[in-house]
Amino acid sequence: MVEGDEITVNGTTMVVVGEIQTANATVYLIDSVMLPPSITG
């Protein structure tokens, strides 16, 4: 979700630095570890 200049993922994870361009991808630095639902329960 984008609110102003802040981007959140799943309502809790904040994007710290967005759109870092690399040779193979665009990278987003986030402030927490994201796990798939099958692992988190």
C-alpha atoms as a PDB file:
ATOM      1  CA  MET A   1       0.000   0.000   0.000  1.00  0.00           C
ATOM      2  CA  VAL A   2       1.315   3.455  -0.838  1.00  0.00           C
ATOM      3  CA  GLU A   3       0.406   6.327   1.467  1.00  0.00           C
ATOM      4  CA  GLY A   4       2.190   9.561   0.617  1.00  0.00           C
ATOM      5  CA  ASP A   5       5.883   8.687   0.524  1.00  0.00           C
ATOM      6  CA  GLU A   6       5.521   5.464   2.574  1.00  0.00           C
ATOM      7  CA  ILE A   7       5.121   1.998   1.074  1.00  0.00           C
ATOM      8  CA  THR A   8       3.964  -0.913   3.242  1.00  0.00           C
ATOM      9  CA  VAL A   9       3.611  -4.607   2.441  1.00  0.00           C
ATOM     10  CA  ASN A  10       0.988  -6.732   4.249  1.00  0.00           C
ATOM     11  CA  GLY A  11       0.207  -3.755   6.488  1.00  0.00           C
ATOM     12  CA  THR A  12       3.285  -4.222   8.676  1.00  0.00           C
ATOM     13  CA  THR A  13       6.472  -4.285   6.593  1.00  0.00           C
ATOM     14  CA  MET A  14       7.845  -0.883   5.581  1.00  0.00           C
ATOM     15  CA  VAL A  15       9.916  -0.271   2.466  1.00  0.00           C
ATOM     16  CA  VAL A  16      13.052   1.552   3.673  1.00  0.00           C
ATOM     17  CA  VAL A  17      14.666   2.172   0.268  1.00  0.00           C
ATOM     18  CA  GLY A  18      12.793   1.589  -2.963  1.00  0.00           C
ATOM     19  CA  GLU A  19      13.687   1.023  -6.582  1.00  0.00           C
ATOM     20  CA  ILE A  20      17.392   0.189  -6.301  1.00  0.00           C
ATOM     21  CA  GLN A  21      18.362  -0.653  -9.878  1.00  0.00           C
ATOM     22  CA  THR A  22      20.716  -3.601 -10.435  1.00  0.00           C
ATOM     23  CA  ALA A  23      21.800  -5.417 -13.572  1.00  0.00           C
ATOM     24  CA  ASN A  24      19.087  -8.093 -13.195  1.00  0.00           C
ATOM     25  CA  ALA A  25      16.300  -6.629 -11.057  1.00  0.00           C
ATOM     26  CA  THR A  26      14.783  -3.769  -9.126  1.00  0.00           C
ATOM     27  CA  VAL A  27      15.412  -4.210  -5.384  1.00  0.00           C
ATOM     28  CA  TYR A  28      13.373  -2.901  -2.454  1.00  0.00           C
ATOM     29  CA  LEU A  29      14.988  -2.818   1.017  1.00  0.00           C
ATOM     30  CA  ILE A  30      12.443  -3.659   3.732  1.00  0.00           C
ATOM     31  CA  ASP A  31      12.546  -3.445   7.534  1.00  0.00           C
ATOM     32  CA  SER A  32      11.567  -7.018   8.439  1.00  0.00           C
ATOM     33  CA  VAL A  33      11.781 -10.611   7.267  1.00  0.00           C
ATOM     34  CA  MET A  34       8.858 -11.805   5.163  1.00  0.00           C
ATOM     35  CA  LEU A  35       7.912 -15.488   5.248  1.00  0.00           C
ATOM     36  CA  PRO A  36       5.354 -17.308   3.090  1.00  0.00           C
ATOM     37  CA  PRO A  37       2.028 -18.190   4.756  1.00  0.00           C
ATOM     38  CA  SER A  38       2.862 -21.923   4.685  1.00  0.00           C
ATOM     39  CA  ILE A  39       5.717 -21.309   7.146  1.00  0.00           C
ATOM     40  CA  THR A  40       4.007 -18.737   9.388  1.00  0.00           C
ATOM     41  CA  GLY A  41       0.937 -20.856   9.968  1.00  0.00           C
END
